[in-house]
Amino acid sequence: MRWALPLVVLVGLVAALLTWTRLGPAAPPATDVPIVVYLLDNGFHSDLALPRAALERRGGALGRAVETLAPGDWILVGWGDARFYVDQSPISDRLPDGARAFFRPGNPSVVMLDP
């Protein structure tokens, strides 16, 4: 019984050290104009619908990629395993590949941009 309190303290310290988190970088300053973003369920995956103007205004690689797409006010953005995400065969045929994509780390991935 005399070891109970020190043991509880030790377990608490170990748990605190294992779950410790550091603060990340400060959030960017808020802008005056909010940006509307939609989360869409396409039946199997989720896509983000982002305003094209905001992506083009941001610039960088994503802005340049968006400029090459067909016209449209919104851009659907999706992401997934490079092999599983682009395969168009019936889902029942792709279940083993889906398990591989989900459980195996380090898989190549792709980003979909659809106007």
C-alpha atoms as a PDB file:
ATOM      1  CA  MET A   1       0.000   0.000   0.000  1.00  0.00           C
ATOM      2  CA  ARG A   2       2.896   2.344   0.665  1.00  0.00           C
ATOM      3  CA  TRP A   3       3.897   2.059  -3.029  1.00  0.00           C
ATOM      4  CA  ALA A   4       0.426   2.879  -4.341  1.00  0.00           C
ATOM      5  CA  LEU A   5       0.762   6.674  -4.372  1.00  0.00           C
ATOM      6  CA  PRO A   6       4.274   6.755  -5.911  1.00  0.00           C
ATOM      7  CA  LEU A   7       3.163   4.184  -8.511  1.00  0.00           C
ATOM      8  CA  VAL A   8       0.097   6.250  -9.439  1.00  0.00           C
ATOM      9  CA  VAL A   9       2.263   9.380  -9.714  1.00  0.00           C
ATOM     10  CA  LEU A  10       4.795   7.531 -11.887  1.00  0.00           C
ATOM     11  CA  VAL A  11       2.069   6.177 -14.193  1.00  0.00           C
ATOM     12  CA  GLY A  12       0.580   9.673 -14.435  1.00  0.00           C
ATOM     13  CA  LEU A  13       3.952  11.193 -15.344  1.00  0.00           C
ATOM     14  CA  VAL A  14       4.611   8.542 -17.999  1.00  0.00           C
ATOM     15  CA  ALA A  15       1.123   9.074 -19.457  1.00  0.00           C
ATOM     16  CA  ALA A  16       1.676  12.847 -19.487  1.00  0.00           C
ATOM     17  CA  LEU A  17       5.013  12.483 -21.272  1.00  0.00           C
ATOM     18  CA  LEU A  18       3.576  10.087 -23.866  1.00  0.00           C
ATOM     19  CA  THR A  19       0.642  12.360 -24.685  1.00  0.00           C
ATOM     20  CA  TRP A  20       2.400  15.727 -24.471  1.00  0.00           C
ATOM     21  CA  THR A  21       1.771  18.074 -27.385  1.00  0.00           C
ATOM     22  CA  ARG A  22       3.499  21.278 -28.387  1.00  0.00           C
ATOM     23  CA  LEU A  23       1.747  24.312 -29.762  1.00  0.00           C
ATOM     24  CA  GLY A  24       1.898  24.585 -33.532  1.00  0.00           C
ATOM     25  CA  PRO A  25       2.613  27.742 -35.481  1.00  0.00           C
ATOM     26  CA  ALA A  26       0.315  30.685 -34.904  1.00  0.00           C
ATOM     27  CA  ALA A  27      -2.761  30.852 -37.111  1.00  0.00           C
ATOM     28  CA  PRO A  28      -2.470  33.198 -40.085  1.00  0.00           C
ATOM     29  CA  PRO A  29      -4.181  36.542 -39.609  1.00  0.00           C
ATOM     30  CA  ALA A  30      -7.884  36.547 -40.407  1.00  0.00           C
ATOM     31  CA  THR A  31      -8.981  38.194 -43.621  1.00  0.00           C
ATOM     32  CA  ASP A  32     -11.975  40.450 -44.003  1.00  0.00           C
ATOM     33  CA  VAL A  33     -13.590  38.155 -46.551  1.00  0.00           C
ATOM     34  CA  PRO A  34     -14.567  34.637 -45.474  1.00  0.00           C
ATOM     35  CA  ILE A  35     -14.145  31.823 -47.998  1.00  0.00           C
ATOM     36  CA  VAL A  36     -17.017  29.367 -48.376  1.00  0.00           C
ATOM     37  CA  VAL A  37     -15.924  25.726 -48.672  1.00  0.00           C
ATOM     38  CA  TYR A  38     -18.253  22.749 -49.161  1.00  0.00           C
ATOM     39  CA  LEU A  39     -17.633  19.150 -48.125  1.00  0.00           C
ATOM     40  CA  LEU A  40     -19.353  16.804 -50.596  1.00  0.00           C
ATOM     41  CA  ASP A  41     -20.123  13.104 -50.292  1.00  0.00           C
ATOM     42  CA  ASN A  42     -19.726  11.500 -53.711  1.00  0.00           C
ATOM     43  CA  GLY A  43     -20.959   8.106 -52.516  1.00  0.00           C
ATOM     44  CA  PHE A  44     -17.599   6.571 -51.718  1.00  0.00           C
ATOM     45  CA  HIS A  45     -15.129   9.373 -51.075  1.00  0.00           C
ATOM     46  CA  SER A  46     -15.473  12.950 -49.909  1.00  0.00           C
ATOM     47  CA  ASP A  47     -14.479  15.945 -51.992  1.00  0.00           C
ATOM     48  CA  LEU A  48     -13.923  19.565 -51.079  1.00  0.00           C
ATOM     49  CA  ALA A  49     -15.565  22.178 -53.300  1.00  0.00           C
ATOM     50  CA  LEU A  50     -13.392  25.291 -53.247  1.00  0.00           C
ATOM     51  CA  PRO A  51     -14.017  28.610 -55.008  1.00  0.00           C
ATOM     52  CA  ARG A  52     -11.848  28.832 -58.097  1.00  0.00           C
ATOM     53  CA  ALA A  53     -11.149  32.542 -57.572  1.00  0.00           C
ATOM     54  CA  ALA A  54      -9.680  31.904 -54.109  1.00  0.00           C
ATOM     55  CA  LEU A  55      -7.378  29.173 -55.441  1.00  0.00           C
ATOM     56  CA  GLU A  56      -6.174  31.331 -58.328  1.00  0.00           C
ATOM     57  CA  ARG A  57      -5.668  34.307 -56.016  1.00  0.00           C
ATOM     58  CA  ARG A  58      -3.553  32.165 -53.675  1.00  0.00           C
ATOM     59  CA  GLY A  59      -1.112  31.358 -56.472  1.00  0.00           C
ATOM     60  CA  GLY A  60       1.589  28.734 -56.122  1.00  0.00           C
ATOM     61  CA  ALA A  61       1.485  25.293 -57.725  1.00  0.00           C
ATOM     62  CA  LEU A  62      -2.214  24.793 -56.929  1.00  0.00           C
ATOM     63  CA  GLY A  63      -3.167  28.163 -58.398  1.00  0.00           C
ATOM     64  CA  ARG A  64      -1.226  27.410 -61.588  1.00  0.00           C
ATOM     65  CA  ALA A  65      -2.853  23.967 -61.862  1.00  0.00           C
ATOM     66  CA  VAL A  66      -6.328  25.485 -61.461  1.00  0.00           C
ATOM     67  CA  GLU A  67      -5.613  27.983 -64.263  1.00  0.00           C
ATOM     68  CA  THR A  68      -5.147  25.060 -66.690  1.00  0.00           C
ATOM     69  CA  LEU A  69      -8.585  23.541 -65.958  1.00  0.00           C
ATOM     70  CA  ALA A  70     -11.811  24.015 -67.888  1.00  0.00           C
ATOM     71  CA  PRO A  71     -13.941  27.000 -66.814  1.00  0.00           C
ATOM     72  CA  GLY A  72     -16.073  26.804 -63.682  1.00  0.00           C
ATOM     73  CA  ASP A  73     -16.663  28.759 -60.481  1.00  0.00           C
ATOM     74  CA  TRP A  74     -15.903  25.810 -58.175  1.00  0.00           C
ATOM     75  CA  ILE A  75     -13.107  23.250 -58.114  1.00  0.00           C
ATOM     76  CA  LEU A  76     -13.653  19.817 -56.600  1.00  0.00           C
ATOM     77  CA  VAL A  77     -10.559  18.612 -54.786  1.00  0.00           C
ATOM     78  CA  GLY A  78     -10.115  14.950 -53.926  1.00  0.00           C
ATOM     79  CA  TRP A  79      -7.168  12.907 -52.725  1.00  0.00           C
ATOM     80  CA  GLY A  80      -6.401   9.228 -52.445  1.00  0.00           C
ATOM     81  CA  ASP A  81      -4.141   6.256 -53.076  1.00  0.00           C
ATOM     82  CA  ALA A  82      -2.681   6.523 -56.591  1.00  0.00           C
ATOM     83  CA  ARG A  83      -3.791   3.059 -57.673  1.00  0.00           C
ATOM     84  CA  PHE A  84      -7.082   2.654 -55.785  1.00  0.00           C
ATOM     85  CA  TYR A  85      -8.402   6.200 -56.259  1.00  0.00           C
ATOM     86  CA  VAL A  86      -8.226   6.222 -60.049  1.00  0.00           C
ATOM     87  CA  ASP A  87      -9.413   2.637 -60.653  1.00  0.00           C
ATOM     88  CA  GLN A  88     -12.896   2.640 -62.215  1.00  0.00           C
ATOM     89  CA  SER A  89     -13.683  -1.086 -61.887  1.00  0.00           C
ATOM     90  CA  PRO A  90     -16.589  -2.206 -59.634  1.00  0.00           C
ATOM     91  CA  ILE A  91     -15.864  -1.750 -55.936  1.00  0.00           C
ATOM     92  CA  SER A  92     -16.464  -5.439 -55.233  1.00  0.00           C
ATOM     93  CA  ASP A  93     -13.426  -6.234 -57.403  1.00  0.00           C
ATOM     94  CA  ARG A  94     -11.275  -3.655 -55.618  1.00  0.00           C
ATOM     95  CA  LEU A  95     -11.753  -4.583 -51.946  1.00  0.00           C
ATOM     96  CA  PRO A  96      -8.307  -6.226 -51.518  1.00  0.00           C
ATOM     97  CA  ASP A  97      -6.677  -3.210 -53.151  1.00  0.00           C
ATOM     98  CA  GLY A  98      -8.719  -0.913 -50.906  1.00  0.00           C
ATOM     99  CA  ALA A  99      -7.418  -2.754 -47.845  1.00  0.00           C
ATOM    100  CA  ARG A 100      -3.868  -2.372 -49.156  1.00  0.00           C
ATOM    101  CA  ALA A 101      -4.406   1.348 -49.731  1.00  0.00           C
ATOM    102  CA  PHE A 102      -5.832   1.802 -46.235  1.00  0.00           C
ATOM    103  CA  PHE A 103      -3.412  -0.278 -44.186  1.00  0.00           C
ATOM    104  CA  ARG A 104      -0.062  -0.100 -46.009  1.00  0.00           C
ATOM    105  CA  PRO A 105       1.882   3.075 -45.212  1.00  0.00           C
ATOM    106  CA  GLY A 106       3.874   5.013 -47.777  1.00  0.00           C
ATOM    107  CA  ASN A 107       1.603   4.514 -50.782  1.00  0.00           C
ATOM    108  CA  PRO A 108       1.900   7.010 -53.630  1.00  0.00           C
ATOM    109  CA  SER A 109      -1.113   9.309 -53.740  1.00  0.00           C
ATOM    110  CA  VAL A 110      -2.849  11.553 -56.246  1.00  0.00           C
ATOM    111  CA  VAL A 111      -4.848  14.776 -56.079  1.00  0.00           C
ATOM    112  CA  MET A 112      -7.930  15.270 -58.249  1.00  0.00           C
ATOM    113  CA  LEU A 113      -8.891  18.750 -59.430  1.00  0.00           C
ATOM    114  CA  ASP A 114     -12.244  18.839 -61.226  1.00  0.00           C
ATOM    115  CA  PRO A 115     -13.948  22.069 -62.370  1.00  0.00           C
END
